Amino acid sequence: MRFAHSLRFTLNLDLLRSFFAIVEQGSLNKAAERLRVSQSTLTRQMQALEQEVGGPLLERSPGGVALTATGHTLLEGSRPVLARFDAVMADVRQRARGQSADLRIGYLMSAVSDYLNPALAALRKAHPEVKVKMRDLSPGEQIEALRNGEIDVALIGQAGALLAKEFYVKTLAMLPVWVAMAEDHPLAKREAVKLGDLKKEVFVGAPDADMPGHNQWLAQLCKRAGFRARFVQNADSLTHGLSLIVTEGAMSLQPGYVEKLKVPGVVFRPLRDSAASWELMVAWQRGKTTAPVKALLDALPVKRK
């Protein structure tokens, strides 16, 4: 049934194009010459279209054709549909050839300054004509946007590992892990902490829809250190998570670049455990990689722990 509906839609587009050609040329004969089909073929197409809409679209006379009221309605109503379809197909063909006039990027705000901004500057020099559209999205939102074709590239955390079968994925950095804690916590006096020091603490978690795999990753780290992780609450954003640190006295494990943040009441201490690392990844759509995407990927800095 779906295939039949799709085929019918394709045929109707062809009929609409023939209809537009007749209106623009003012006669079936001239439209047939322009479309390089016989006049009888064009007549049959118009009969099929009129049968589809349920009424006459054109009034024929020796001097040419004129639109009926129904024809005017179809012409004006379908004009934006055809224009939009043609624009979409032009964009699709460009992307199929590895060309594109725009680049849509999903990103983590906290990783922008160290990674994305330098790459965007290089992209601007190489392709000044490209329009960059930025979207600040959580890892879960980036995954959904990639799957829906709403973004071309995602600067994502280690949740990017879940995408390897669907998209191209590249690791940019293996970052150290830092512990965020309340500034008045006894461990805040230390220069660094170990996971074993946190066995009596509670942690800020993250909903799987926003940070896929985060709680499992944290629980696995704690298990290797010999204790079971306890979560006080899932935070729906980084800001919410940092507030829970202050209000609940909880701990949060974060990638190394967050230690630059200045948050009242919160301090960051490096986690001294060789097994603890946080992976920063970039994912992009499969198929022929467009020149702007390739330029961005080449400019993204690759750093190792």
C-alpha atoms as a PDB file:
ATOM      1  CA  MET A   1       0.000   0.000   0.000  1.00  0.00           C
ATOM      2  CA  ARG A   2       2.804   2.434   0.895  1.00  0.00           C
ATOM      3  CA  PHE A   3       4.626   1.713  -2.382  1.00  0.00           C
ATOM      4  CA  ALA A   4       1.439   2.317  -4.368  1.00  0.00           C
ATOM      5  CA  HIS A   5       0.866   5.648  -2.585  1.00  0.00           C
ATOM      6  CA  SER A   6       4.491   6.702  -3.266  1.00  0.00           C
ATOM      7  CA  LEU A   7       4.183   5.763  -6.960  1.00  0.00           C
ATOM      8  CA  ARG A   8       0.921   7.668  -7.263  1.00  0.00           C
ATOM      9  CA  PHE A   9       2.525  10.756  -5.723  1.00  0.00           C
ATOM     10  CA  THR A  10       5.410  10.580  -8.228  1.00  0.00           C
ATOM     11  CA  LEU A  11       3.007  10.316 -11.162  1.00  0.00           C
ATOM     12  CA  ASN A  12       0.982  13.279  -9.903  1.00  0.00           C
ATOM     13  CA  LEU A  13       4.124  15.404  -9.725  1.00  0.00           C
ATOM     14  CA  ASP A  14       4.733  14.665 -13.406  1.00  0.00           C
ATOM     15  CA  LEU A  15       1.129  15.536 -14.203  1.00  0.00           C
ATOM     16  CA  LEU A  16       1.431  18.800 -12.283  1.00  0.00           C
ATOM     17  CA  ARG A  17       4.574  19.734 -14.203  1.00  0.00           C
ATOM     18  CA  SER A  18       2.730  19.119 -17.480  1.00  0.00           C
ATOM     19  CA  PHE A  19      -0.166  21.215 -16.203  1.00  0.00           C
ATOM     20  CA  PHE A  20       2.189  24.082 -15.324  1.00  0.00           C
ATOM     21  CA  ALA A  21       3.828  23.863 -18.740  1.00  0.00           C
ATOM     22  CA  ILE A  22       0.451  24.177 -20.495  1.00  0.00           C
ATOM     23  CA  VAL A  23      -0.503  27.201 -18.383  1.00  0.00           C
ATOM     24  CA  GLU A  24       2.853  28.909 -18.985  1.00  0.00           C
ATOM     25  CA  GLN A  25       2.842  28.231 -22.735  1.00  0.00           C
ATOM     26  CA  GLY A  26      -0.847  28.994 -23.209  1.00  0.00           C
ATOM     27  CA  SER A  27      -1.459  26.007 -25.480  1.00  0.00           C
ATOM     28  CA  LEU A  28      -1.142  22.243 -25.521  1.00  0.00           C
ATOM     29  CA  ASN A  29       0.849  22.314 -28.757  1.00  0.00           C
ATOM     30  CA  LYS A  30       3.563  24.648 -27.424  1.00  0.00           C
ATOM     31  CA  ALA A  31       3.685  22.805 -24.089  1.00  0.00           C
ATOM     32  CA  ALA A  32       4.086  19.475 -25.909  1.00  0.00           C
ATOM     33  CA  GLU A  33       7.025  20.922 -27.892  1.00  0.00           C
ATOM     34  CA  ARG A  34       8.644  22.216 -24.710  1.00  0.00           C
ATOM     35  CA  LEU A  35       8.193  18.910 -22.876  1.00  0.00           C
ATOM     36  CA  ARG A  36       9.163  16.913 -25.993  1.00  0.00           C
ATOM     37  CA  VAL A  37       6.070  14.732 -25.889  1.00  0.00           C
ATOM     38  CA  SER A  38       3.201  14.317 -28.334  1.00  0.00           C
ATOM     39  CA  GLN A  39       0.120  16.466 -27.982  1.00  0.00           C
ATOM     40  CA  SER A  40      -1.988  13.326 -27.556  1.00  0.00           C
ATOM     41  CA  THR A  41       0.214  12.253 -24.634  1.00  0.00           C
ATOM     42  CA  LEU A  42      -0.225  15.640 -22.998  1.00  0.00           C
ATOM     43  CA  THR A  43      -3.979  15.470 -23.553  1.00  0.00           C
ATOM     44  CA  ARG A  44      -4.143  12.082 -21.830  1.00  0.00           C
ATOM     45  CA  GLN A  45      -2.104  13.441 -18.914  1.00  0.00           C
ATOM     46  CA  MET A  46      -4.516  16.340 -18.446  1.00  0.00           C
ATOM     47  CA  GLN A  47      -7.475  13.977 -18.625  1.00  0.00           C
ATOM     48  CA  ALA A  48      -5.855  11.845 -15.901  1.00  0.00           C
ATOM     49  CA  LEU A  49      -5.191  14.919 -13.738  1.00  0.00           C
ATOM     50  CA  GLU A  50      -8.746  16.194 -14.202  1.00  0.00           C
ATOM     51  CA  GLN A  51     -10.060  12.773 -13.249  1.00  0.00           C
ATOM     52  CA  GLU A  52      -7.826  12.891 -10.150  1.00  0.00           C
ATOM     53  CA  VAL A  53      -9.159  16.273  -8.976  1.00  0.00           C
ATOM     54  CA  GLY A  54     -12.724  15.562 -10.062  1.00  0.00           C
ATOM     55  CA  GLY A  55     -13.356  18.413 -12.476  1.00  0.00           C
ATOM     56  CA  PRO A  56     -12.080  20.343 -15.524  1.00  0.00           C
ATOM     57  CA  LEU A  57      -8.920  22.404 -15.098  1.00  0.00           C
ATOM     58  CA  LEU A  58      -8.628  23.964 -18.543  1.00  0.00           C
ATOM     59  CA  GLU A  59     -11.030  25.298 -21.151  1.00  0.00           C
ATOM     60  CA  ARG A  60      -9.759  24.573 -24.639  1.00  0.00           C
ATOM     61  CA  SER A  61     -10.383  26.749 -27.697  1.00  0.00           C
ATOM     62  CA  PRO A  62      -8.768  27.249 -31.109  1.00  0.00           C
ATOM     63  CA  GLY A  63      -6.830  30.175 -29.605  1.00  0.00           C
ATOM     64  CA  GLY A  64      -5.342  28.202 -26.730  1.00  0.00           C
ATOM     65  CA  VAL A  65      -6.350  27.235 -23.212  1.00  0.00           C
ATOM     66  CA  ALA A  66      -7.669  29.121 -20.195  1.00  0.00           C
ATOM     67  CA  LEU A  67      -7.810  28.121 -16.558  1.00  0.00           C
ATOM     68  CA  THR A  68     -11.090  27.234 -14.882  1.00  0.00           C
ATOM     69  CA  ALA A  69     -11.703  28.241 -11.255  1.00  0.00           C
ATOM     70  CA  THR A  70     -10.598  24.746 -10.261  1.00  0.00           C
ATOM     71  CA  GLY A  71      -7.491  25.157 -12.383  1.00  0.00           C
ATOM     72  CA  HIS A  72      -6.614  28.462 -10.678  1.00  0.00           C
ATOM     73  CA  THR A  73      -6.947  26.807  -7.254  1.00  0.00           C
ATOM     74  CA  LEU A  74      -4.696  23.913  -8.267  1.00  0.00           C
ATOM     75  CA  LEU A  75      -2.134  26.242  -9.839  1.00  0.00           C
ATOM     76  CA  GLU A  76      -1.773  28.504  -6.814  1.00  0.00           C
ATOM     77  CA  GLY A  77      -2.001  25.704  -4.261  1.00  0.00           C
ATOM     78  CA  SER A  78       0.549  23.423  -5.908  1.00  0.00           C
ATOM     79  CA  ARG A  79       3.072  26.120  -6.865  1.00  0.00           C
ATOM     80  CA  PRO A  80       4.771  26.216  -3.418  1.00  0.00           C
ATOM     81  CA  VAL A  81       4.636  22.403  -3.216  1.00  0.00           C
ATOM     82  CA  LEU A  82       6.554  21.996  -6.454  1.00  0.00           C
ATOM     83  CA  ALA A  83       8.968  24.795  -5.544  1.00  0.00           C
ATOM     84  CA  ARG A  84       9.694  23.162  -2.184  1.00  0.00           C
ATOM     85  CA  PHE A  85      10.109  19.744  -3.790  1.00  0.00           C
ATOM     86  CA  ASP A  86      12.527  21.132  -6.386  1.00  0.00           C
ATOM     87  CA  ALA A  87      14.546  22.882  -3.657  1.00  0.00           C
ATOM     88  CA  VAL A  88      14.760  19.692  -1.633  1.00  0.00           C
ATOM     89  CA  MET A  89      15.848  17.678  -4.671  1.00  0.00           C
ATOM     90  CA  ALA A  90      18.498  20.278  -5.545  1.00  0.00           C
ATOM     91  CA  ASP A  91      19.876  20.019  -1.997  1.00  0.00           C
ATOM     92  CA  VAL A  92      19.762  16.210  -2.130  1.00  0.00           C
ATOM     93  CA  ARG A  93      21.644  16.147  -5.440  1.00  0.00           C
ATOM     94  CA  GLN A  94      24.266  18.537  -4.063  1.00  0.00           C
ATOM     95  CA  ARG A  95      24.827  16.343  -1.029  1.00  0.00           C
ATOM     96  CA  ALA A  96      24.985  13.230  -3.190  1.00  0.00           C
ATOM     97  CA  ARG A  97      27.818  14.914  -5.131  1.00  0.00           C
ATOM     98  CA  GLY A  98      29.586  15.890  -1.921  1.00  0.00           C
ATOM     99  CA  GLN A  99      28.501  19.529  -2.180  1.00  0.00           C
ATOM    100  CA  SER A 100      26.413  21.623   0.190  1.00  0.00           C
ATOM    101  CA  ALA A 101      25.720  25.297   0.829  1.00  0.00           C
ATOM    102  CA  ASP A 102      25.082  24.847   4.522  1.00  0.00           C
ATOM    103  CA  LEU A 103      26.401  22.868   7.482  1.00  0.00           C
ATOM    104  CA  ARG A 104      24.224  21.941  10.466  1.00  0.00           C
ATOM    105  CA  ILE A 105      26.114  21.181  13.674  1.00  0.00           C
ATOM    106  CA  GLY A 106      24.889  19.791  16.974  1.00  0.00           C
ATOM    107  CA  TYR A 107      27.254  20.415  19.859  1.00  0.00           C
ATOM    108  CA  LEU A 108      27.907  20.335  23.583  1.00  0.00           C
ATOM    109  CA  MET A 109      28.256  23.896  24.820  1.00  0.00           C
ATOM    110  CA  SER A 110      30.962  22.943  27.321  1.00  0.00           C
ATOM    111  CA  ALA A 111      33.206  21.592  24.543  1.00  0.00           C
ATOM    112  CA  VAL A 112      32.865  24.511  22.129  1.00  0.00           C
ATOM    113  CA  SER A 113      35.791  26.724  23.149  1.00  0.00           C
ATOM    114  CA  ASP A 114      38.457  24.011  23.107  1.00  0.00           C
ATOM    115  CA  TYR A 115      37.332  22.062  20.081  1.00  0.00           C
ATOM    116  CA  LEU A 116      34.611  23.538  17.906  1.00  0.00           C
ATOM    117  CA  ASN A 117      35.519  27.231  17.766  1.00  0.00           C
ATOM    118  CA  PRO A 118      39.044  26.689  16.313  1.00  0.00           C
ATOM    119  CA  ALA A 119      37.620  24.287  13.728  1.00  0.00           C
ATOM    120  CA  LEU A 120      34.874  26.753  12.751  1.00  0.00           C
ATOM    121  CA  ALA A 121      37.481  29.465  12.218  1.00  0.00           C
ATOM    122  CA  ALA A 122      39.397  27.153   9.861  1.00  0.00           C
ATOM    123  CA  LEU A 123      36.175  26.225   8.057  1.00  0.00           C
ATOM    124  CA  ARG A 124      35.318  29.889   7.560  1.00  0.00           C
ATOM    125  CA  LYS A 125      38.664  30.484   5.840  1.00  0.00           C
ATOM    126  CA  ALA A 126      38.366  27.412   3.602  1.00  0.00           C
ATOM    127  CA  HIS A 127      34.661  27.792   2.760  1.00  0.00           C
ATOM    128  CA  PRO A 128      33.445  31.347   3.430  1.00  0.00           C
ATOM    129  CA  GLU A 129      30.321  30.661   1.336  1.00  0.00           C
ATOM    130  CA  VAL A 130      29.027  27.959   3.695  1.00  0.00           C
ATOM    131  CA  LYS A 131      26.237  28.908   6.094  1.00  0.00           C
ATOM    132  CA  VAL A 132      26.802  27.243   9.479  1.00  0.00           C
ATOM    133  CA  LYS A 133      23.765  26.488  11.628  1.00  0.00           C
ATOM    134  CA  MET A 134      24.546  25.673  15.255  1.00  0.00           C
ATOM    135  CA  ARG A 135      22.331  23.765  17.702  1.00  0.00           C
ATOM    136  CA  ASP A 136      23.207  23.382  21.387  1.00  0.00           C
ATOM    137  CA  LEU A 137      21.901  19.875  22.124  1.00  0.00           C
ATOM    138  CA  SER A 138      22.363  17.206  24.763  1.00  0.00           C
ATOM    139  CA  PRO A 139      23.968  13.954  23.547  1.00  0.00           C
ATOM    140  CA  GLY A 140      20.551  12.282  23.439  1.00  0.00           C
ATOM    141  CA  GLU A 141      19.110  15.162  21.409  1.00  0.00           C
ATOM    142  CA  GLN A 142      22.075  15.034  19.036  1.00  0.00           C
ATOM    143  CA  ILE A 143      21.509  11.337  18.417  1.00  0.00           C
ATOM    144  CA  GLU A 144      17.845  11.964  17.625  1.00  0.00           C
ATOM    145  CA  ALA A 145      18.720  14.911  15.350  1.00  0.00           C
ATOM    146  CA  LEU A 146      21.248  12.798  13.438  1.00  0.00           C
ATOM    147  CA  ARG A 147      18.734  10.006  12.980  1.00  0.00           C
ATOM    148  CA  ASN A 148      16.115  12.482  11.757  1.00  0.00           C
ATOM    149  CA  GLY A 149      18.562  14.081   9.320  1.00  0.00           C
ATOM    150  CA  GLU A 150      18.274  17.441  11.110  1.00  0.00           C
ATOM    151  CA  ILE A 151      22.041  17.902  11.613  1.00  0.00           C
ATOM    152  CA  ASP A 152      25.086  16.891   9.575  1.00  0.00           C
ATOM    153  CA  VAL A 153      27.654  16.694  12.370  1.00  0.00           C
ATOM    154  CA  ALA A 154      27.435  16.039  16.115  1.00  0.00           C
ATOM    155  CA  LEU A 155      30.127  17.002  18.611  1.00  0.00           C
ATOM    156  CA  ILE A 156      29.084  14.471  21.187  1.00  0.00           C
ATOM    157  CA  GLY A 157      30.369  12.745  24.303  1.00  0.00           C
ATOM    158  CA  GLN A 158      31.090   9.074  24.714  1.00  0.00           C
ATOM    159  CA  ALA A 159      27.462   8.331  23.861  1.00  0.00           C
ATOM    160  CA  GLY A 160      28.771   8.611  20.305  1.00  0.00           C
ATOM    161  CA  ALA A 161      29.993   5.021  20.639  1.00  0.00           C
ATOM    162  CA  LEU A 162      26.338   3.953  20.331  1.00  0.00           C
ATOM    163  CA  LEU A 163      26.227   5.403  16.805  1.00  0.00           C
ATOM    164  CA  ALA A 164      29.061   3.492  15.163  1.00  0.00           C
ATOM    165  CA  LYS A 165      26.720   1.217  13.168  1.00  0.00           C
ATOM    166  CA  GLU A 166      24.556   4.086  11.905  1.00  0.00           C
ATOM    167  CA  PHE A 167      27.012   6.954  11.319  1.00  0.00           C
ATOM    168  CA  TYR A 168      30.666   7.712  10.862  1.00  0.00           C
ATOM    169  CA  VAL A 169      32.248   8.219  14.292  1.00  0.00           C
ATOM    170  CA  LYS A 170      35.679   9.513  15.264  1.00  0.00           C
ATOM    171  CA  THR A 171      37.264   9.931  18.691  1.00  0.00           C
ATOM    172  CA  LEU A 172      38.679  13.432  19.213  1.00  0.00           C
ATOM    173  CA  ALA A 173      39.985  13.061  22.743  1.00  0.00           C
ATOM    174  CA  MET A 174      40.311  10.790  25.738  1.00  0.00           C
ATOM    175  CA  LEU A 175      39.879  13.306  28.531  1.00  0.00           C
ATOM    176  CA  PRO A 176      40.680  12.972  32.215  1.00  0.00           C
ATOM    177  CA  VAL A 177      37.733  12.857  34.598  1.00  0.00           C
ATOM    178  CA  TRP A 178      37.176  15.510  37.230  1.00  0.00           C
ATOM    179  CA  VAL A 179      35.030  15.355  40.343  1.00  0.00           C
ATOM    180  CA  ALA A 180      32.651  18.238  40.988  1.00  0.00           C
ATOM    181  CA  MET A 181      31.829  18.695  44.669  1.00  0.00           C
ATOM    182  CA  ALA A 182      30.622  21.305  47.119  1.00  0.00           C
ATOM    183  CA  GLU A 183      33.363  23.732  48.114  1.00  0.00           C
ATOM    184  CA  ASP A 184      32.815  22.968  51.816  1.00  0.00           C
ATOM    185  CA  HIS A 185      33.147  19.196  51.377  1.00  0.00           C
ATOM    186  CA  PRO A 186      36.165  17.708  53.262  1.00  0.00           C
ATOM    187  CA  LEU A 187      37.559  16.264  50.012  1.00  0.00           C
ATOM    188  CA  ALA A 188      37.618  19.754  48.482  1.00  0.00           C
ATOM    189  CA  LYS A 189      40.786  20.434  50.498  1.00  0.00           C
ATOM    190  CA  ARG A 190      42.704  17.830  48.504  1.00  0.00           C
ATOM    191  CA  GLU A 191      44.473  18.528  45.247  1.00  0.00           C
ATOM    192  CA  ALA A 192      43.108  15.293  43.754  1.00  0.00           C
ATOM    193  CA  VAL A 193      40.856  12.413  44.792  1.00  0.00           C
ATOM    194  CA  LYS A 194      40.512   8.715  44.006  1.00  0.00           C
ATOM    195  CA  LEU A 195      37.348   6.791  43.296  1.00  0.00           C
ATOM    196  CA  GLY A 196      37.829   4.868  46.523  1.00  0.00           C
ATOM    197  CA  ASP A 197      37.497   8.154  48.410  1.00  0.00           C
ATOM    198  CA  LEU A 198      33.929   8.464  47.086  1.00  0.00           C
ATOM    199  CA  LYS A 199      32.507   5.134  48.253  1.00  0.00           C
ATOM    200  CA  LYS A 200      30.332   6.777  50.923  1.00  0.00           C
ATOM    201  CA  GLU A 201      29.152   9.577  48.641  1.00  0.00           C
ATOM    202  CA  VAL A 202      26.041   9.937  46.474  1.00  0.00           C
ATOM    203  CA  PHE A 203      26.242  10.906  42.835  1.00  0.00           C
ATOM    204  CA  VAL A 204      24.312  13.109  40.456  1.00  0.00           C
ATOM    205  CA  GLY A 205      23.000  10.983  37.603  1.00  0.00           C
ATOM    206  CA  ALA A 206      21.639  11.823  34.169  1.00  0.00           C
ATOM    207  CA  PRO A 207      18.521  10.560  32.374  1.00  0.00           C
ATOM    208  CA  ASP A 208      19.354   8.111  29.620  1.00  0.00           C
ATOM    209  CA  ALA A 209      17.352  10.169  27.127  1.00  0.00           C
ATOM    210  CA  ASP A 210      19.761  13.108  27.598  1.00  0.00           C
ATOM    211  CA  MET A 211      23.025  11.320  28.408  1.00  0.00           C
ATOM    212  CA  PRO A 212      22.783   7.758  27.047  1.00  0.00           C
ATOM    213  CA  GLY A 213      24.992   5.370  29.022  1.00  0.00           C
ATOM    214  CA  HIS A 214      26.236   7.947  31.553  1.00  0.00           C
ATOM    215  CA  ASN A 215      24.904   6.265  34.689  1.00  0.00           C
ATOM    216  CA  GLN A 216      26.090   2.857  33.509  1.00  0.00           C
ATOM    217  CA  TRP A 217      29.572   4.279  32.860  1.00  0.00           C
ATOM    218  CA  LEU A 218      29.743   5.831  36.332  1.00  0.00           C
ATOM    219  CA  ALA A 219      28.395   2.670  37.992  1.00  0.00           C
ATOM    220  CA  GLN A 220      31.019   0.572  36.210  1.00  0.00           C
ATOM    221  CA  LEU A 221      33.837   2.844  37.390  1.00  0.00           C
ATOM    222  CA  CYS A 222      32.619   2.587  40.977  1.00  0.00           C
ATOM    223  CA  LYS A 223      32.287  -1.195  40.698  1.00  0.00           C
ATOM    224  CA  ARG A 224      35.919  -1.465  39.607  1.00  0.00           C
ATOM    225  CA  ALA A 225      36.836   0.593  42.664  1.00  0.00           C
ATOM    226  CA  GLY A 226      35.014  -1.884  44.915  1.00  0.00           C
ATOM    227  CA  PHE A 227      31.732  -0.172  45.745  1.00  0.00           C
ATOM    228  CA  ARG A 228      28.259   0.387  44.372  1.00  0.00           C
ATOM    229  CA  ALA A 229      27.309   3.819  43.074  1.00  0.00           C
ATOM    230  CA  ARG A 230      24.332   5.507  44.711  1.00  0.00           C
ATOM    231  CA  PHE A 231      22.460   8.214  42.831  1.00  0.00           C
ATOM    232  CA  VAL A 232      20.647  11.032  44.579  1.00  0.00           C
ATOM    233  CA  GLN A 233      18.827  12.267  41.459  1.00  0.00           C
ATOM    234  CA  ASN A 234      19.071  12.497  37.697  1.00  0.00           C
ATOM    235  CA  ALA A 235      19.845  16.037  36.549  1.00  0.00           C
ATOM    236  CA  ASP A 236      18.197  17.307  33.378  1.00  0.00           C
ATOM    237  CA  SER A 237      21.067  19.696  32.580  1.00  0.00           C
ATOM    238  CA  LEU A 238      24.611  20.566  33.622  1.00  0.00           C
ATOM    239  CA  THR A 239      23.321  23.594  35.534  1.00  0.00           C
ATOM    240  CA  HIS A 240      20.788  21.451  37.385  1.00  0.00           C
ATOM    241  CA  GLY A 241      23.474  18.893  38.191  1.00  0.00           C
ATOM    242  CA  LEU A 242      25.822  21.496  39.624  1.00  0.00           C
ATOM    243  CA  SER A 243      23.024  22.891  41.781  1.00  0.00           C
ATOM    244  CA  LEU A 244      22.384  19.394  43.186  1.00  0.00           C
ATOM    245  CA  ILE A 245      26.027  19.244  44.211  1.00  0.00           C
ATOM    246  CA  VAL A 246      25.470  22.248  46.458  1.00  0.00           C
ATOM    247  CA  THR A 247      21.975  21.464  47.728  1.00  0.00           C
ATOM    248  CA  GLU A 248      22.386  17.697  48.178  1.00  0.00           C
ATOM    249  CA  GLY A 249      26.111  17.432  48.903  1.00  0.00           C
ATOM    250  CA  ALA A 250      26.392  15.060  45.922  1.00  0.00           C
ATOM    251  CA  MET A 251      29.302  14.279  43.614  1.00  0.00           C
ATOM    252  CA  SER A 252      29.399  14.488  39.849  1.00  0.00           C
ATOM    253  CA  LEU A 253      31.960  13.032  37.447  1.00  0.00           C
ATOM    254  CA  GLN A 254      32.634  15.325  34.515  1.00  0.00           C
ATOM    255  CA  PRO A 255      35.024  15.499  31.523  1.00  0.00           C
ATOM    256  CA  GLY A 256      38.213  17.449  32.035  1.00  0.00           C
ATOM    257  CA  TYR A 257      37.221  20.613  30.209  1.00  0.00           C
ATOM    258  CA  VAL A 258      34.564  21.504  32.812  1.00  0.00           C
ATOM    259  CA  GLU A 259      37.241  22.323  35.375  1.00  0.00           C
ATOM    260  CA  LYS A 260      37.505  25.731  33.692  1.00  0.00           C
ATOM    261  CA  LEU A 261      33.954  26.533  34.765  1.00  0.00           C
ATOM    262  CA  LYS A 262      33.489  29.006  37.589  1.00  0.00           C
ATOM    263  CA  VAL A 263      30.475  27.914  39.602  1.00  0.00           C
ATOM    264  CA  PRO A 264      29.674  29.467  42.999  1.00  0.00           C
ATOM    265  CA  GLY A 265      29.824  26.860  45.747  1.00  0.00           C
ATOM    266  CA  VAL A 266      31.362  24.167  43.494  1.00  0.00           C
ATOM    267  CA  VAL A 267      34.974  23.066  43.092  1.00  0.00           C
ATOM    268  CA  PHE A 268      36.544  20.613  40.647  1.00  0.00           C
ATOM    269  CA  ARG A 269      39.247  18.115  41.556  1.00  0.00           C
ATOM    270  CA  PRO A 270      41.023  15.693  39.202  1.00  0.00           C
ATOM    271  CA  LEU A 271      40.201  12.004  39.630  1.00  0.00           C
ATOM    272  CA  ARG A 272      43.379   9.963  40.011  1.00  0.00           C
ATOM    273  CA  ASP A 273      42.338   6.618  38.509  1.00  0.00           C
ATOM    274  CA  SER A 274      43.931   5.214  35.371  1.00  0.00           C
ATOM    275  CA  ALA A 275      40.685   3.472  34.374  1.00  0.00           C
ATOM    276  CA  ALA A 276      38.696   6.705  34.485  1.00  0.00           C
ATOM    277  CA  SER A 277      38.536   8.624  31.210  1.00  0.00           C
ATOM    278  CA  TRP A 278      35.883  10.434  29.214  1.00  0.00           C
ATOM    279  CA  GLU A 279      35.689  10.137  25.445  1.00  0.00           C
ATOM    280  CA  LEU A 280      34.837  13.107  23.241  1.00  0.00           C
ATOM    281  CA  MET A 281      33.597  12.066  19.801  1.00  0.00           C
ATOM    282  CA  VAL A 282      32.368  13.535  16.556  1.00  0.00           C
ATOM    283  CA  ALA A 283      29.715  11.761  14.482  1.00  0.00           C
ATOM    284  CA  TRP A 284      28.498  12.607  10.991  1.00  0.00           C
ATOM    285  CA  GLN A 285      26.091  11.320   8.386  1.00  0.00           C
ATOM    286  CA  ARG A 286      27.040   8.370   6.204  1.00  0.00           C
ATOM    287  CA  GLY A 287      27.304   8.704   2.448  1.00  0.00           C
ATOM    288  CA  LYS A 288      29.597  10.982   0.492  1.00  0.00           C
ATOM    289  CA  THR A 289      31.153  13.484   2.894  1.00  0.00           C
ATOM    290  CA  THR A 290      30.619  17.044   1.690  1.00  0.00           C
ATOM    291  CA  ALA A 291      33.563  19.422   1.384  1.00  0.00           C
ATOM    292  CA  PRO A 292      32.434  21.616   4.337  1.00  0.00           C
ATOM    293  CA  VAL A 293      32.028  18.570   6.600  1.00  0.00           C
ATOM    294  CA  LYS A 294      35.441  17.262   5.564  1.00  0.00           C
ATOM    295  CA  ALA A 295      37.036  20.662   6.200  1.00  0.00           C
ATOM    296  CA  LEU A 296      35.453  20.818   9.658  1.00  0.00           C
ATOM    297  CA  LEU A 297      36.550  17.272  10.531  1.00  0.00           C
ATOM    298  CA  ASP A 298      40.105  17.938   9.370  1.00  0.00           C
ATOM    299  CA  ALA A 299      40.249  21.080  11.508  1.00  0.00           C
ATOM    300  CA  LEU A 300      38.898  19.528  14.721  1.00  0.00           C
ATOM    301  CA  PRO A 301      41.845  19.089  17.087  1.00  0.00           C
ATOM    302  CA  VAL A 302      42.636  15.537  18.153  1.00  0.00           C
ATOM    303  CA  LYS A 303      43.930  15.322  21.710  1.00  0.00           C
ATOM    304  CA  ARG A 304      44.866  12.361  23.841  1.00  0.00           C
ATOM    305  CA  LYS A 305      44.923  11.957  27.601  1.00  0.00           C
END
